[in-house]
Amino acid sequence: MTPAVLPVLSLLETRVLGVLCEKQHTVPDTYPLSLSALLAGCNQKTSRQPIIETSESEIASAIDSLKGLALVIESTGSRVARYAHNMERVLRLPSPSVALLAVLMLRGPQTAGELRINCDRLHRFADLSTVQGFLEEMAARSTGALVAELPRQPGARENRWTHLLGGAQTADVAPTEAPVGLPGDYVTLGEVRALKANLARLEAEVAVLRESVKRLKDELGIADPDGA
């Protein structure tokens, strides 16, 4: 049943839903997903915007919240709890629309052309006009829009679309008002945390590389030009 008021989901909750939808199509043999598989999908470094670093306990909390909204259901009959999304039934959407929503939740705002390419493994759209049609249907829903078309960015030939399950702020801020280089058209607390996590990861990688270079120099007997 469609909620009377569209729930505002957190970044992690939308990530969980997107991962469940994606893996339903890309790894059907292991779907529904276990908590550990969901963790791997949420922390995945490819095909994700923004990249996040989360934990099993945080995902478990997000799942509990989504189960309360009936957007996620837990499978029975297995020693390990497994989870599946329920977006088609709760939001009353056809599978092509769910695929578009999932890719928007996983990759951030995109043009209709980008969505057609990125949705290919979830649903193969016949042409660009078909993608546009499903997007416009979700934007014009009488029960509450699920997507919105963003203002065109300077120099861009096409408008991008964003999902609204995380709130409507993304549709209200012009691209020129957003800090250059940041995902989307505004910065959420979740995105700030993700950027900090990415910075910490990069700093750790640099530290490891420096230590490897130092060890290699020591083994080769190469003196450090700044050393004594």
C-alpha atoms as a PDB file:
ATOM      1  CA  MET A   1       0.000   0.000   0.000  1.00  0.00           C
ATOM      2  CA  THR A   2       1.352   3.435  -0.912  1.00  0.00           C
ATOM      3  CA  PRO A   3       2.084   5.555   2.204  1.00  0.00           C
ATOM      4  CA  ALA A   4      -0.176   8.605   2.647  1.00  0.00           C
ATOM      5  CA  VAL A   5       2.975  10.709   3.090  1.00  0.00           C
ATOM      6  CA  LEU A   6       6.101   9.785   1.174  1.00  0.00           C
ATOM      7  CA  PRO A   7       8.769   8.803   3.722  1.00  0.00           C
ATOM      8  CA  VAL A   8      12.015  10.770   3.746  1.00  0.00           C
ATOM      9  CA  LEU A   9      14.826   8.225   3.730  1.00  0.00           C
ATOM     10  CA  SER A  10      18.440   8.633   4.786  1.00  0.00           C
ATOM     11  CA  LEU A  11      21.360   8.230   2.395  1.00  0.00           C
ATOM     12  CA  LEU A  12      22.069   4.765   3.816  1.00  0.00           C
ATOM     13  CA  GLU A  13      18.428   3.684   3.525  1.00  0.00           C
ATOM     14  CA  THR A  14      18.319   4.680  -0.144  1.00  0.00           C
ATOM     15  CA  ARG A  15      21.657   2.931  -0.674  1.00  0.00           C
ATOM     16  CA  VAL A  16      20.270  -0.294   0.855  1.00  0.00           C
ATOM     17  CA  LEU A  17      17.208  -0.165  -1.407  1.00  0.00           C
ATOM     18  CA  GLY A  18      19.331   0.540  -4.468  1.00  0.00           C
ATOM     19  CA  VAL A  19      21.705  -2.330  -3.711  1.00  0.00           C
ATOM     20  CA  LEU A  20      18.844  -4.779  -3.159  1.00  0.00           C
ATOM     21  CA  CYS A  21      17.285  -3.835  -6.486  1.00  0.00           C
ATOM     22  CA  GLU A  22      20.613  -3.973  -8.326  1.00  0.00           C
ATOM     23  CA  LYS A  23      21.666  -7.357  -6.932  1.00  0.00           C
ATOM     24  CA  GLN A  24      18.221  -8.820  -7.613  1.00  0.00           C
ATOM     25  CA  HIS A  25      19.092  -8.532 -11.303  1.00  0.00           C
ATOM     26  CA  THR A  26      22.876  -8.882 -11.353  1.00  0.00           C
ATOM     27  CA  VAL A  27      23.297 -11.791  -8.891  1.00  0.00           C
ATOM     28  CA  PRO A  28      19.870 -13.479  -8.783  1.00  0.00           C
ATOM     29  CA  ASP A  29      21.354 -16.744  -7.445  1.00  0.00           C
ATOM     30  CA  THR A  30      22.300 -15.055  -4.145  1.00  0.00           C
ATOM     31  CA  TYR A  31      19.200 -12.854  -3.850  1.00  0.00           C
ATOM     32  CA  PRO A  32      17.644 -12.079  -1.336  1.00  0.00           C
ATOM     33  CA  LEU A  33      20.846 -10.747   0.227  1.00  0.00           C
ATOM     34  CA  SER A  34      22.447 -11.524   3.548  1.00  0.00           C
ATOM     35  CA  LEU A  35      23.602  -8.702   5.813  1.00  0.00           C
ATOM     36  CA  SER A  36      27.243  -9.263   4.807  1.00  0.00           C
ATOM     37  CA  ALA A  37      26.343  -9.146   1.099  1.00  0.00           C
ATOM     38  CA  LEU A  38      24.423  -5.912   1.678  1.00  0.00           C
ATOM     39  CA  LEU A  39      27.445  -4.456   3.466  1.00  0.00           C
ATOM     40  CA  ALA A  40      29.673  -5.249   0.489  1.00  0.00           C
ATOM     41  CA  GLY A  41      27.164  -3.741  -1.934  1.00  0.00           C
ATOM     42  CA  CYS A  42      26.727  -0.553   0.102  1.00  0.00           C
ATOM     43  CA  ASN A  43      30.499  -0.045   0.493  1.00  0.00           C
ATOM     44  CA  GLN A  44      31.213  -0.892  -3.149  1.00  0.00           C
ATOM     45  CA  LYS A  45      33.674   1.539  -4.752  1.00  0.00           C
ATOM     46  CA  THR A  46      32.385   1.256  -8.335  1.00  0.00           C
ATOM     47  CA  SER A  47      29.033   2.443  -9.717  1.00  0.00           C
ATOM     48  CA  ARG A  48      28.348   4.413  -6.530  1.00  0.00           C
ATOM     49  CA  GLN A  49      27.930   8.149  -5.907  1.00  0.00           C
ATOM     50  CA  PRO A  50      28.755   9.054  -3.250  1.00  0.00           C
ATOM     51  CA  ILE A  51      31.066   6.283  -2.056  1.00  0.00           C
ATOM     52  CA  ILE A  52      30.323   5.469   1.582  1.00  0.00           C
ATOM     53  CA  GLU A  53      31.892   3.468   4.401  1.00  0.00           C
ATOM     54  CA  THR A  54      29.307   1.881   6.668  1.00  0.00           C
ATOM     55  CA  SER A  55      29.058  -1.021   9.114  1.00  0.00           C
ATOM     56  CA  GLU A  56      26.806  -4.040   9.598  1.00  0.00           C
ATOM     57  CA  SER A  57      25.198  -2.441  12.654  1.00  0.00           C
ATOM     58  CA  GLU A  58      24.344   0.718  10.693  1.00  0.00           C
ATOM     59  CA  ILE A  59      22.900  -1.351   7.849  1.00  0.00           C
ATOM     60  CA  ALA A  60      20.896  -3.447  10.321  1.00  0.00           C
ATOM     61  CA  SER A  61      19.420  -0.222  11.730  1.00  0.00           C
ATOM     62  CA  ALA A  62      18.551   1.004   8.212  1.00  0.00           C
ATOM     63  CA  ILE A  63      16.925  -2.356   7.430  1.00  0.00           C
ATOM     64  CA  ASP A  64      14.780  -2.143  10.571  1.00  0.00           C
ATOM     65  CA  SER A  65      13.576   1.300   9.497  1.00  0.00           C
ATOM     66  CA  LEU A  66      12.828   0.111   5.951  1.00  0.00           C
ATOM     67  CA  LYS A  67      11.028  -2.973   7.264  1.00  0.00           C
ATOM     68  CA  GLY A  68       8.811  -0.652   9.285  1.00  0.00           C
ATOM     69  CA  LEU A  69       7.820   1.037   6.013  1.00  0.00           C
ATOM     70  CA  ALA A  70       7.405  -2.369   4.294  1.00  0.00           C
ATOM     71  CA  LEU A  71      10.029  -1.308   1.735  1.00  0.00           C
ATOM     72  CA  VAL A  72      12.225  -4.257   2.792  1.00  0.00           C
ATOM     73  CA  ILE A  73      11.066  -7.747   3.707  1.00  0.00           C
ATOM     74  CA  GLU A  74      12.993 -10.467   5.521  1.00  0.00           C
ATOM     75  CA  SER A  75      13.083 -13.985   4.103  1.00  0.00           C
ATOM     76  CA  THR A  76      12.362 -16.985   6.308  1.00  0.00           C
ATOM     77  CA  GLY A  77      13.484 -20.593   6.121  1.00  0.00           C
ATOM     78  CA  SER A  78      17.234 -19.935   6.232  1.00  0.00           C
ATOM     79  CA  ARG A  79      19.747 -19.955   9.065  1.00  0.00           C
ATOM     80  CA  VAL A  80      21.032 -16.596   7.809  1.00  0.00           C
ATOM     81  CA  ALA A  81      18.594 -13.695   7.585  1.00  0.00           C
ATOM     82  CA  ARG A  82      18.149 -12.487   4.018  1.00  0.00           C
ATOM     83  CA  TYR A  83      16.512  -9.325   2.739  1.00  0.00           C
ATOM     84  CA  ALA A  84      14.638  -8.233  -0.385  1.00  0.00           C
ATOM     85  CA  HIS A  85      13.167  -4.914  -1.479  1.00  0.00           C
ATOM     86  CA  ASN A  86       9.423  -4.420  -1.852  1.00  0.00           C
ATOM     87  CA  MET A  87       9.358  -1.186  -3.831  1.00  0.00           C
ATOM     88  CA  GLU A  88       7.053  -2.336  -6.626  1.00  0.00           C
ATOM     89  CA  ARG A  89       4.266  -3.194  -4.209  1.00  0.00           C
ATOM     90  CA  VAL A  90       4.679  -0.379  -1.675  1.00  0.00           C
ATOM     91  CA  LEU A  91       5.246   2.417  -4.197  1.00  0.00           C
ATOM     92  CA  ARG A  92       3.000   0.802  -6.833  1.00  0.00           C
ATOM     93  CA  LEU A  93       5.606   1.020  -9.550  1.00  0.00           C
ATOM     94  CA  PRO A  94       6.365  -1.113 -12.602  1.00  0.00           C
ATOM     95  CA  SER A  95       9.803  -2.749 -12.696  1.00  0.00           C
ATOM     96  CA  PRO A  96      11.254  -0.241 -15.245  1.00  0.00           C
ATOM     97  CA  SER A  97      10.490   2.633 -12.850  1.00  0.00           C
ATOM     98  CA  VAL A  98      12.047   0.750  -9.932  1.00  0.00           C
ATOM     99  CA  ALA A  99      15.185   0.197 -12.024  1.00  0.00           C
ATOM    100  CA  LEU A 100      15.439   3.940 -12.719  1.00  0.00           C
ATOM    101  CA  LEU A 101      14.940   4.770  -9.044  1.00  0.00           C
ATOM    102  CA  ALA A 102      17.584   2.233  -8.016  1.00  0.00           C
ATOM    103  CA  VAL A 103      20.201   3.667 -10.361  1.00  0.00           C
ATOM    104  CA  LEU A 104      19.431   7.210  -9.181  1.00  0.00           C
ATOM    105  CA  MET A 105      19.819   6.066  -5.562  1.00  0.00           C
ATOM    106  CA  LEU A 106      23.114   4.335  -6.326  1.00  0.00           C
ATOM    107  CA  ARG A 107      24.736   6.842  -8.699  1.00  0.00           C
ATOM    108  CA  GLY A 108      23.148  10.217  -7.956  1.00  0.00           C
ATOM    109  CA  PRO A 109      21.574  12.665 -10.457  1.00  0.00           C
ATOM    110  CA  GLN A 110      21.864  11.653 -14.119  1.00  0.00           C
ATOM    111  CA  THR A 111      20.513  12.575 -17.532  1.00  0.00           C
ATOM    112  CA  ALA A 112      17.964  10.351 -19.250  1.00  0.00           C
ATOM    113  CA  GLY A 113      20.708   9.137 -21.593  1.00  0.00           C
ATOM    114  CA  GLU A 114      22.990   8.196 -18.709  1.00  0.00           C
ATOM    115  CA  LEU A 115      20.116   6.432 -16.976  1.00  0.00           C
ATOM    116  CA  ARG A 116      19.378   4.353 -20.060  1.00  0.00           C
ATOM    117  CA  ILE A 117      23.002   3.161 -20.172  1.00  0.00           C
ATOM    118  CA  ASN A 118      23.371   2.612 -16.421  1.00  0.00           C
ATOM    119  CA  CYS A 119      20.051   0.746 -16.139  1.00  0.00           C
ATOM    120  CA  ASP A 120      20.999  -1.778 -18.805  1.00  0.00           C
ATOM    121  CA  ARG A 121      21.674  -4.650 -16.379  1.00  0.00           C
ATOM    122  CA  LEU A 122      18.481  -3.944 -14.422  1.00  0.00           C
ATOM    123  CA  HIS A 123      16.126  -3.177 -17.297  1.00  0.00           C
ATOM    124  CA  ARG A 124      16.835  -2.655 -20.987  1.00  0.00           C
ATOM    125  CA  PHE A 125      14.939   0.373 -22.270  1.00  0.00           C
ATOM    126  CA  ALA A 126      14.086   0.371 -25.955  1.00  0.00           C
ATOM    127  CA  ASP A 127      14.937   4.030 -26.499  1.00  0.00           C
ATOM    128  CA  LEU A 128      15.493   7.359 -24.787  1.00  0.00           C
ATOM    129  CA  SER A 129      11.861   8.427 -25.095  1.00  0.00           C
ATOM    130  CA  THR A 130      10.825   5.372 -23.071  1.00  0.00           C
ATOM    131  CA  VAL A 131      13.165   6.391 -20.251  1.00  0.00           C
ATOM    132  CA  GLN A 132      11.809   9.934 -20.409  1.00  0.00           C
ATOM    133  CA  GLY A 133       8.250   8.641 -20.259  1.00  0.00           C
ATOM    134  CA  PHE A 134       8.801   6.614 -17.095  1.00  0.00           C
ATOM    135  CA  LEU A 135      10.622   9.538 -15.457  1.00  0.00           C
ATOM    136  CA  GLU A 136       7.805  11.943 -16.272  1.00  0.00           C
ATOM    137  CA  GLU A 137       5.237   9.491 -14.881  1.00  0.00           C
ATOM    138  CA  MET A 138       7.116   9.271 -11.568  1.00  0.00           C
ATOM    139  CA  ALA A 139       7.463  13.068 -11.460  1.00  0.00           C
ATOM    140  CA  ALA A 140       3.729  13.615 -11.975  1.00  0.00           C
ATOM    141  CA  ARG A 141       2.380  11.081  -9.438  1.00  0.00           C
ATOM    142  CA  SER A 142      -0.697  12.332  -7.598  1.00  0.00           C
ATOM    143  CA  THR A 143       0.480  10.541  -4.425  1.00  0.00           C
ATOM    144  CA  GLY A 144       3.788  12.418  -4.476  1.00  0.00           C
ATOM    145  CA  ALA A 145       6.587  12.793  -6.985  1.00  0.00           C
ATOM    146  CA  LEU A 146       9.398  10.236  -6.740  1.00  0.00           C
ATOM    147  CA  VAL A 147      11.792  12.005  -9.125  1.00  0.00           C
ATOM    148  CA  ALA A 148      12.392  15.570 -10.271  1.00  0.00           C
ATOM    149  CA  GLU A 149      14.146  17.193 -13.201  1.00  0.00           C
ATOM    150  CA  LEU A 150      16.976  19.463 -12.055  1.00  0.00           C
ATOM    151  CA  PRO A 151      17.849  22.848 -13.599  1.00  0.00           C
ATOM    152  CA  ARG A 152      20.262  22.492 -16.494  1.00  0.00           C
ATOM    153  CA  GLN A 153      23.889  23.028 -15.556  1.00  0.00           C
ATOM    154  CA  PRO A 154      25.910  25.680 -17.411  1.00  0.00           C
ATOM    155  CA  GLY A 155      27.281  24.191 -20.629  1.00  0.00           C
ATOM    156  CA  ALA A 156      25.208  21.009 -20.343  1.00  0.00           C
ATOM    157  CA  ARG A 157      23.006  19.856 -23.222  1.00  0.00           C
ATOM    158  CA  GLU A 158      20.580  17.824 -21.108  1.00  0.00           C
ATOM    159  CA  ASN A 159      18.891  18.183 -17.741  1.00  0.00           C
ATOM    160  CA  ARG A 160      19.650  15.674 -15.006  1.00  0.00           C
ATOM    161  CA  TRP A 161      17.074  13.805 -12.939  1.00  0.00           C
ATOM    162  CA  THR A 162      17.215  13.016  -9.233  1.00  0.00           C
ATOM    163  CA  HIS A 163      15.156  10.794  -6.933  1.00  0.00           C
ATOM    164  CA  LEU A 164      13.134  12.385  -4.130  1.00  0.00           C
ATOM    165  CA  LEU A 165      13.031   9.537  -1.618  1.00  0.00           C
ATOM    166  CA  GLY A 166      15.643  11.407   0.397  1.00  0.00           C
ATOM    167  CA  GLY A 167      13.626  14.637   0.381  1.00  0.00           C
ATOM    168  CA  ALA A 168      12.888  17.378  -2.117  1.00  0.00           C
ATOM    169  CA  GLN A 169      15.915  19.609  -1.442  1.00  0.00           C
ATOM    170  CA  THR A 170      17.819  18.333  -4.474  1.00  0.00           C
ATOM    171  CA  ALA A 171      15.205  19.831  -6.772  1.00  0.00           C
ATOM    172  CA  ASP A 172      15.323  23.263  -5.168  1.00  0.00           C
ATOM    173  CA  VAL A 173      18.992  24.229  -5.361  1.00  0.00           C
ATOM    174  CA  ALA A 174      20.463  25.540  -8.589  1.00  0.00           C
ATOM    175  CA  PRO A 175      23.695  23.878  -9.718  1.00  0.00           C
ATOM    176  CA  THR A 176      25.528  27.207  -9.671  1.00  0.00           C
ATOM    177  CA  GLU A 177      24.879  27.432  -5.924  1.00  0.00           C
ATOM    178  CA  ALA A 178      26.526  24.100  -5.179  1.00  0.00           C
ATOM    179  CA  PRO A 179      30.233  23.824  -4.402  1.00  0.00           C
ATOM    180  CA  VAL A 180      32.127  22.801  -7.521  1.00  0.00           C
ATOM    181  CA  GLY A 181      33.048  19.121  -7.714  1.00  0.00           C
ATOM    182  CA  LEU A 182      30.610  17.789  -5.108  1.00  0.00           C
ATOM    183  CA  PRO A 183      28.018  15.130  -6.055  1.00  0.00           C
ATOM    184  CA  GLY A 184      24.456  16.301  -6.606  1.00  0.00           C
ATOM    185  CA  ASP A 185      23.280  19.858  -6.233  1.00  0.00           C
ATOM    186  CA  TYR A 186      23.619  20.220  -2.460  1.00  0.00           C
ATOM    187  CA  VAL A 187      25.606  18.588   0.296  1.00  0.00           C
ATOM    188  CA  THR A 188      23.839  16.405   2.845  1.00  0.00           C
ATOM    189  CA  LEU A 189      25.332  15.323   6.161  1.00  0.00           C
ATOM    190  CA  GLY A 190      25.594  11.834   4.730  1.00  0.00           C
ATOM    191  CA  GLU A 191      27.616  13.114   1.788  1.00  0.00           C
ATOM    192  CA  VAL A 192      29.907  15.064   4.131  1.00  0.00           C
ATOM    193  CA  ARG A 193      30.507  11.877   6.123  1.00  0.00           C
ATOM    194  CA  ALA A 194      31.173   9.981   2.884  1.00  0.00           C
ATOM    195  CA  LEU A 195      33.674  12.615   1.711  1.00  0.00           C
ATOM    196  CA  LYS A 196      35.462  12.485   5.072  1.00  0.00           C
ATOM    197  CA  ALA A 197      35.572   8.689   4.884  1.00  0.00           C
ATOM    198  CA  ASN A 198      37.025   8.879   1.364  1.00  0.00           C
ATOM    199  CA  LEU A 199      39.662  11.387   2.526  1.00  0.00           C
ATOM    200  CA  ALA A 200      40.626   9.182   5.473  1.00  0.00           C
ATOM    201  CA  ARG A 201      40.894   6.157   3.168  1.00  0.00           C
ATOM    202  CA  LEU A 202      43.110   8.065   0.715  1.00  0.00           C
ATOM    203  CA  GLU A 203      45.343   9.335   3.528  1.00  0.00           C
ATOM    204  CA  ALA A 204      45.737   5.772   4.812  1.00  0.00           C
ATOM    205  CA  GLU A 205      46.620   4.528   1.327  1.00  0.00           C
ATOM    206  CA  VAL A 206      49.221   7.291   0.939  1.00  0.00           C
ATOM    207  CA  ALA A 207      50.750   6.339   4.308  1.00  0.00           C
ATOM    208  CA  VAL A 208      51.002   2.691   3.214  1.00  0.00           C
ATOM    209  CA  LEU A 209      52.613   3.701  -0.091  1.00  0.00           C
ATOM    210  CA  ARG A 210      55.147   5.904   1.689  1.00  0.00           C
ATOM    211  CA  GLU A 211      56.080   3.075   4.022  1.00  0.00           C
ATOM    212  CA  SER A 212      56.450   0.698   1.050  1.00  0.00           C
ATOM    213  CA  VAL A 213      58.717   3.157  -0.776  1.00  0.00           C
ATOM    214  CA  LYS A 214      60.846   3.649   2.355  1.00  0.00           C
ATOM    215  CA  ARG A 215      61.193  -0.102   2.835  1.00  0.00           C
ATOM    216  CA  LEU A 216      62.142  -0.558  -0.828  1.00  0.00           C
ATOM    217  CA  LYS A 217      64.788   2.196  -0.556  1.00  0.00           C
ATOM    218  CA  ASP A 218      66.211   0.549   2.542  1.00  0.00           C
ATOM    219  CA  GLU A 219      66.440  -2.811   0.766  1.00  0.00           C
ATOM    220  CA  LEU A 220      68.154  -1.228  -2.257  1.00  0.00           C
ATOM    221  CA  GLY A 221      70.449   0.934  -0.158  1.00  0.00           C
ATOM    222  CA  ILE A 222      69.125   4.160  -1.596  1.00  0.00           C
ATOM    223  CA  ALA A 223      69.710   7.089   0.728  1.00  0.00           C
ATOM    224  CA  ASP A 224      66.893   9.475   1.505  1.00  0.00           C
ATOM    225  CA  PRO A 225      67.962  12.922   0.166  1.00  0.00           C
ATOM    226  CA  ASP A 226      66.333  14.571   3.179  1.00  0.00           C
ATOM    227  CA  GLY A 227      67.839  12.118   5.654  1.00  0.00           C
ATOM    228  CA  ALA A 228      70.982  12.488   7.691  1.00  0.00           C
END
